[in-house]
């Protein structure tokens, strides 16, 4: 993996693992979808470890997958609970 590709991967991990202060539900859903797509793509990749540098790339891929899984868990936990029906009080 080239140095610029490694920098891009590192920047993506930082962006995914840095929680913003306030997020909309749509933004959370979009981020969760993108994280799931990334995880699926990383799961599909089976690097040919006989080539030079592939073992290091496989390790980086595993690290990125782990970071994406952690971030996905954070995003899903941060989603606000769905509110039930609003109860009205009469007589007060």
C-alpha atoms as a PDB file:
ATOM      1  CA  UNK A   1       0.000   0.000   0.000  1.00  0.00           C
ATOM      2  CA  UNK A   2       1.386   3.371  -0.940  1.00  0.00           C
ATOM      3  CA  UNK A   3       2.030   6.035   1.642  1.00  0.00           C
ATOM      4  CA  UNK A   4      -0.803   8.215   0.303  1.00  0.00           C
ATOM      5  CA  UNK A   5      -3.222   5.265   0.466  1.00  0.00           C
ATOM      6  CA  UNK A   6      -2.176   4.603   4.070  1.00  0.00           C
ATOM      7  CA  UNK A   7      -2.716   8.286   4.868  1.00  0.00           C
ATOM      8  CA  UNK A   8      -6.177   8.134   3.293  1.00  0.00           C
ATOM      9  CA  UNK A   9      -7.091   5.058   5.328  1.00  0.00           C
ATOM     10  CA  UNK A  10      -5.796   6.705   8.493  1.00  0.00           C
ATOM     11  CA  UNK A  11      -7.802   9.853   7.771  1.00  0.00           C
ATOM     12  CA  UNK A  12     -10.929   7.749   7.201  1.00  0.00           C
ATOM     13  CA  UNK A  13     -10.441   5.959  10.522  1.00  0.00           C
ATOM     14  CA  UNK A  14      -9.993   9.257  12.351  1.00  0.00           C
ATOM     15  CA  UNK A  15     -13.103  10.695  10.708  1.00  0.00           C
ATOM     16  CA  UNK A  16     -15.148   7.620  11.576  1.00  0.00           C
ATOM     17  CA  UNK A  17     -13.940   7.334  15.142  1.00  0.00           C
ATOM     18  CA  UNK A  18     -14.221  11.005  16.101  1.00  0.00           C
ATOM     19  CA  UNK A  19     -17.740  11.521  17.429  1.00  0.00           C
ATOM     20  CA  UNK A  20     -19.308  14.880  16.601  1.00  0.00           C
ATOM     21  CA  UNK A  21     -21.182  16.706  19.334  1.00  0.00           C
ATOM     22  CA  UNK A  22     -24.607  16.847  17.716  1.00  0.00           C
ATOM     23  CA  UNK A  23     -25.843  14.647  14.891  1.00  0.00           C
ATOM     24  CA  UNK A  24     -29.118  14.280  13.122  1.00  0.00           C
ATOM     25  CA  UNK A  25     -30.800  10.901  12.830  1.00  0.00           C
ATOM     26  CA  UNK A  26     -30.270  11.010   9.057  1.00  0.00           C
ATOM     27  CA  UNK A  27     -26.539  11.647   9.508  1.00  0.00           C
ATOM     28  CA  UNK A  28     -26.268   8.758  11.987  1.00  0.00           C
ATOM     29  CA  UNK A  29     -28.135   6.433   9.624  1.00  0.00           C
ATOM     30  CA  UNK A  30     -25.903   7.470   6.720  1.00  0.00           C
ATOM     31  CA  UNK A  31     -22.740   6.921   8.729  1.00  0.00           C
ATOM     32  CA  UNK A  32     -23.974   3.525   9.949  1.00  0.00           C
ATOM     33  CA  UNK A  33     -24.748   2.489   6.351  1.00  0.00           C
ATOM     34  CA  UNK A  34     -21.290   3.566   5.158  1.00  0.00           C
ATOM     35  CA  UNK A  35     -19.609   1.746   8.042  1.00  0.00           C
ATOM     36  CA  UNK A  36     -21.517  -1.455   7.246  1.00  0.00           C
ATOM     37  CA  UNK A  37     -20.480  -1.157   3.580  1.00  0.00           C
ATOM     38  CA  UNK A  38     -16.846  -0.712   4.623  1.00  0.00           C
ATOM     39  CA  UNK A  39     -16.989  -3.747   6.923  1.00  0.00           C
ATOM     40  CA  UNK A  40     -18.542  -5.888   4.172  1.00  0.00           C
ATOM     41  CA  UNK A  41     -15.885  -4.772   1.668  1.00  0.00           C
ATOM     42  CA  UNK A  42     -13.092  -5.542   4.117  1.00  0.00           C
ATOM     43  CA  UNK A  43     -14.600  -8.969   4.841  1.00  0.00           C
ATOM     44  CA  UNK A  44     -14.608  -9.758   1.096  1.00  0.00           C
ATOM     45  CA  UNK A  45     -10.939  -8.924   0.663  1.00  0.00           C
ATOM     46  CA  UNK A  46      -8.729 -11.993   0.861  1.00  0.00           C
ATOM     47  CA  UNK A  47      -5.189 -10.686   0.373  1.00  0.00           C
ATOM     48  CA  UNK A  48      -2.705 -13.010  -1.320  1.00  0.00           C
ATOM     49  CA  UNK A  49      -0.182 -13.067   1.534  1.00  0.00           C
ATOM     50  CA  UNK A  50       2.532 -14.525  -0.687  1.00  0.00           C
ATOM     51  CA  UNK A  51       3.078 -11.092  -2.278  1.00  0.00           C
ATOM     52  CA  UNK A  52       5.379  -8.570  -0.628  1.00  0.00           C
ATOM     53  CA  UNK A  53       3.541  -6.153   1.640  1.00  0.00           C
ATOM     54  CA  UNK A  54       0.255  -8.074   1.658  1.00  0.00           C
ATOM     55  CA  UNK A  55       0.650  -9.262   5.262  1.00  0.00           C
ATOM     56  CA  UNK A  56       1.016  -5.665   6.451  1.00  0.00           C
ATOM     57  CA  UNK A  57      -1.969  -4.632   4.323  1.00  0.00           C
ATOM     58  CA  UNK A  58      -4.042  -7.478   5.777  1.00  0.00           C
ATOM     59  CA  UNK A  59      -3.180  -6.289   9.305  1.00  0.00           C
ATOM     60  CA  UNK A  60      -4.133  -2.712   8.410  1.00  0.00           C
ATOM     61  CA  UNK A  61      -7.400  -4.010   6.979  1.00  0.00           C
ATOM     62  CA  UNK A  62      -8.134  -5.885  10.213  1.00  0.00           C
ATOM     63  CA  UNK A  63      -7.370  -2.762  12.243  1.00  0.00           C
ATOM     64  CA  UNK A  64      -9.651  -0.673  10.033  1.00  0.00           C
ATOM     65  CA  UNK A  65     -12.428  -3.283  10.307  1.00  0.00           C
ATOM     66  CA  UNK A  66     -12.120  -3.330  14.113  1.00  0.00           C
ATOM     67  CA  UNK A  67     -12.246   0.479  14.242  1.00  0.00           C
ATOM     68  CA  UNK A  68     -15.288   0.504  11.947  1.00  0.00           C
ATOM     69  CA  UNK A  69     -17.072  -2.069  14.139  1.00  0.00           C
ATOM     70  CA  UNK A  70     -16.373  -0.014  17.273  1.00  0.00           C
ATOM     71  CA  UNK A  71     -17.605   3.167  15.588  1.00  0.00           C
ATOM     72  CA  UNK A  72     -20.723   1.414  14.271  1.00  0.00           C
ATOM     73  CA  UNK A  73     -21.513   0.304  17.820  1.00  0.00           C
ATOM     74  CA  UNK A  74     -21.084   3.898  19.062  1.00  0.00           C
ATOM     75  CA  UNK A  75     -23.274   5.300  16.275  1.00  0.00           C
ATOM     76  CA  UNK A  76     -26.019   2.766  16.905  1.00  0.00           C
ATOM     77  CA  UNK A  77     -25.953   3.377  20.669  1.00  0.00           C
ATOM     78  CA  UNK A  78     -26.076   7.151  20.154  1.00  0.00           C
ATOM     79  CA  UNK A  79     -29.295   6.926  18.162  1.00  0.00           C
ATOM     80  CA  UNK A  80     -32.116   8.419  20.196  1.00  0.00           C
ATOM     81  CA  UNK A  81     -34.733   6.021  21.475  1.00  0.00           C
ATOM     82  CA  UNK A  82     -37.954   6.151  19.545  1.00  0.00           C
ATOM     83  CA  UNK A  83     -40.485   8.147  21.490  1.00  0.00           C
ATOM     84  CA  UNK A  84     -43.790   6.556  22.280  1.00  0.00           C
ATOM     85  CA  UNK A  85     -47.111   8.340  21.987  1.00  0.00           C
ATOM     86  CA  UNK A  86     -47.381  11.573  23.916  1.00  0.00           C
ATOM     87  CA  UNK A  87     -49.760  11.257  26.814  1.00  0.00           C
ATOM     88  CA  UNK A  88     -51.905  14.257  27.636  1.00  0.00           C
ATOM     89  CA  UNK A  89     -53.049  15.115  31.109  1.00  0.00           C
ATOM     90  CA  UNK A  90     -56.616  16.281  31.479  1.00  0.00           C
ATOM     91  CA  UNK A  91     -58.001  18.121  34.370  1.00  0.00           C
ATOM     92  CA  UNK A  92     -54.871  19.995  35.359  1.00  0.00           C
END
